[in-house]
Amino acid sequence: MPRSPDPGPLERQRIEKRLALNVVLVYAALAVLWIYGSDWLLFQLVSDPGWQARIATFKGWFFVTWSGLLIYVGIRRAFRRRPALPRPSSTCGRP
């Protein structure tokens, strides 16, 4: 089967923008589900307001830590898949 031609720079840019938007939308949807779902569960299981506040704080730290880690891993993988940028020559910008 013949390979499809490499998309041009404008098409590649459009694809990258769409992918970035999809990633953000999925992240936002999952974040909302996590926040509301875990808060609902917390209030179902814990009745003491002091403990609710403590657990909610830890829950927030957990969310920030793991989502930050996942974003980092995703960005690293995306950069590994892209071709390396050309290195500037030592005479770049000099006569």
C-alpha atoms as a PDB file:
ATOM      1  CA  MET A   1       0.000   0.000   0.000  1.00  0.00           C
ATOM      2  CA  PRO A   2       1.520   3.403  -0.938  1.00  0.00           C
ATOM      3  CA  ARG A   3       2.320   5.856   1.809  1.00  0.00           C
ATOM      4  CA  SER A   4       0.314   9.040   2.003  1.00  0.00           C
ATOM      5  CA  PRO A   5       2.292  12.185   1.281  1.00  0.00           C
ATOM      6  CA  ASP A   6       3.670  14.155   4.186  1.00  0.00           C
ATOM      7  CA  PRO A   7       1.242  16.975   5.038  1.00  0.00           C
ATOM      8  CA  GLY A   8       2.447  20.478   4.380  1.00  0.00           C
ATOM      9  CA  PRO A   9       3.371  22.883   7.170  1.00  0.00           C
ATOM     10  CA  LEU A  10      -0.087  24.500   7.297  1.00  0.00           C
ATOM     11  CA  GLU A  11      -1.858  21.147   7.510  1.00  0.00           C
ATOM     12  CA  ARG A  12       0.595  19.960  10.172  1.00  0.00           C
ATOM     13  CA  GLN A  13      -0.020  23.143  12.177  1.00  0.00           C
ATOM     14  CA  ARG A  14      -3.794  22.623  11.927  1.00  0.00           C
ATOM     15  CA  ILE A  15      -3.437  19.011  13.114  1.00  0.00           C
ATOM     16  CA  GLU A  16      -1.231  20.064  16.042  1.00  0.00           C
ATOM     17  CA  LYS A  17      -3.721  22.748  17.112  1.00  0.00           C
ATOM     18  CA  ARG A  18      -6.604  20.274  16.959  1.00  0.00           C
ATOM     19  CA  LEU A  19      -4.622  17.729  18.976  1.00  0.00           C
ATOM     20  CA  ALA A  20      -3.729  20.337  21.603  1.00  0.00           C
ATOM     21  CA  LEU A  21      -7.376  21.394  21.871  1.00  0.00           C
ATOM     22  CA  ASN A  22      -8.473  17.760  22.234  1.00  0.00           C
ATOM     23  CA  VAL A  23      -5.928  17.180  25.012  1.00  0.00           C
ATOM     24  CA  VAL A  24      -7.094  20.283  26.887  1.00  0.00           C
ATOM     25  CA  LEU A  25     -10.769  19.362  26.542  1.00  0.00           C
ATOM     26  CA  VAL A  26     -10.193  15.796  27.759  1.00  0.00           C
ATOM     27  CA  TYR A  27      -8.086  17.076  30.671  1.00  0.00           C
ATOM     28  CA  ALA A  28     -10.764  19.630  31.637  1.00  0.00           C
ATOM     29  CA  ALA A  29     -13.539  17.031  31.464  1.00  0.00           C
ATOM     30  CA  LEU A  30     -11.588  14.540  33.585  1.00  0.00           C
ATOM     31  CA  ALA A  31     -10.637  17.265  36.075  1.00  0.00           C
ATOM     32  CA  VAL A  32     -14.268  18.304  36.518  1.00  0.00           C
ATOM     33  CA  LEU A  33     -15.332  14.674  36.965  1.00  0.00           C
ATOM     34  CA  TRP A  34     -12.565  14.104  39.521  1.00  0.00           C
ATOM     35  CA  ILE A  35     -13.352  17.244  41.505  1.00  0.00           C
ATOM     36  CA  TYR A  36     -17.107  16.759  41.668  1.00  0.00           C
ATOM     37  CA  GLY A  37     -16.983  12.986  41.996  1.00  0.00           C
ATOM     38  CA  SER A  38     -14.350  12.883  44.707  1.00  0.00           C
ATOM     39  CA  ASP A  39     -16.044  15.735  46.621  1.00  0.00           C
ATOM     40  CA  TRP A  40     -19.359  13.897  46.452  1.00  0.00           C
ATOM     41  CA  LEU A  41     -17.738  10.704  47.716  1.00  0.00           C
ATOM     42  CA  LEU A  42     -15.896  12.581  50.461  1.00  0.00           C
ATOM     43  CA  PHE A  43     -19.102  14.160  51.766  1.00  0.00           C
ATOM     44  CA  GLN A  44     -20.877  10.777  51.639  1.00  0.00           C
ATOM     45  CA  LEU A  45     -18.165   9.053  53.685  1.00  0.00           C
ATOM     46  CA  VAL A  46     -17.016  11.777  56.107  1.00  0.00           C
ATOM     47  CA  SER A  47     -19.425  13.843  58.192  1.00  0.00           C
ATOM     48  CA  ASP A  48     -16.980  15.868  60.309  1.00  0.00           C
ATOM     49  CA  PRO A  49     -16.263  19.259  58.631  1.00  0.00           C
ATOM     50  CA  GLY A  50     -12.722  19.360  60.025  1.00  0.00           C
ATOM     51  CA  TRP A  51     -11.844  16.002  58.492  1.00  0.00           C
ATOM     52  CA  GLN A  52     -13.607  16.960  55.273  1.00  0.00           C
ATOM     53  CA  ALA A  53     -11.353  20.021  54.980  1.00  0.00           C
ATOM     54  CA  ARG A  54      -8.183  18.032  55.690  1.00  0.00           C
ATOM     55  CA  ILE A  55      -9.045  15.268  53.236  1.00  0.00           C
ATOM     56  CA  ALA A  56     -10.089  17.797  50.589  1.00  0.00           C
ATOM     57  CA  THR A  57      -6.684  19.475  50.921  1.00  0.00           C
ATOM     58  CA  PHE A  58      -4.842  16.175  50.454  1.00  0.00           C
ATOM     59  CA  LYS A  59      -7.154  15.312  47.575  1.00  0.00           C
ATOM     60  CA  GLY A  60      -6.207  18.609  45.902  1.00  0.00           C
ATOM     61  CA  TRP A  61      -2.492  17.975  46.408  1.00  0.00           C
ATOM     62  CA  PHE A  62      -2.916  14.515  44.916  1.00  0.00           C
ATOM     63  CA  PHE A  63      -4.710  15.929  41.892  1.00  0.00           C
ATOM     64  CA  VAL A  64      -2.127  18.655  41.266  1.00  0.00           C
ATOM     65  CA  THR A  65       0.808  16.246  41.682  1.00  0.00           C
ATOM     66  CA  TRP A  66      -0.545  13.528  39.385  1.00  0.00           C
ATOM     67  CA  SER A  67      -1.930  15.846  36.730  1.00  0.00           C
ATOM     68  CA  GLY A  68       1.364  17.746  36.672  1.00  0.00           C
ATOM     69  CA  LEU A  69       3.271  14.494  36.293  1.00  0.00           C
ATOM     70  CA  LEU A  70       0.992  13.321  33.481  1.00  0.00           C
ATOM     71  CA  ILE A  71       1.344  16.646  31.660  1.00  0.00           C
ATOM     72  CA  TYR A  72       5.138  16.435  31.994  1.00  0.00           C
ATOM     73  CA  VAL A  73       5.224  12.874  30.621  1.00  0.00           C
ATOM     74  CA  GLY A  74       2.919  13.826  27.755  1.00  0.00           C
ATOM     75  CA  ILE A  75       5.053  16.799  26.759  1.00  0.00           C
ATOM     76  CA  ARG A  76       8.254  14.720  26.928  1.00  0.00           C
ATOM     77  CA  ARG A  77       6.732  12.077  24.656  1.00  0.00           C
ATOM     78  CA  ALA A  78       5.512  14.689  22.207  1.00  0.00           C
ATOM     79  CA  PHE A  79       8.999  16.211  21.956  1.00  0.00           C
ATOM     80  CA  ARG A  80      10.594  12.796  21.435  1.00  0.00           C
ATOM     81  CA  ARG A  81       8.302  12.131  18.477  1.00  0.00           C
ATOM     82  CA  ARG A  82       9.087  15.441  16.754  1.00  0.00           C
ATOM     83  CA  PRO A  83      12.152  15.716  14.579  1.00  0.00           C
ATOM     84  CA  ALA A  84      15.041  17.505  16.201  1.00  0.00           C
ATOM     85  CA  LEU A  85      15.368  21.209  15.511  1.00  0.00           C
ATOM     86  CA  PRO A  86      18.368  22.121  13.375  1.00  0.00           C
ATOM     87  CA  ARG A  87      21.319  23.457  15.314  1.00  0.00           C
ATOM     88  CA  PRO A  88      22.302  27.005  14.432  1.00  0.00           C
ATOM     89  CA  SER A  89      25.630  27.356  12.714  1.00  0.00           C
ATOM     90  CA  SER A  90      28.435  29.117  14.570  1.00  0.00           C
ATOM     91  CA  THR A  91      28.358  31.970  12.042  1.00  0.00           C
ATOM     92  CA  CYS A  92      24.621  32.540  12.354  1.00  0.00           C
ATOM     93  CA  GLY A  93      23.956  36.283  12.305  1.00  0.00           C
ATOM     94  CA  ARG A  94      27.594  37.182  11.702  1.00  0.00           C
ATOM     95  CA  PRO A  95      29.061  38.583   8.491  1.00  0.00           C
END
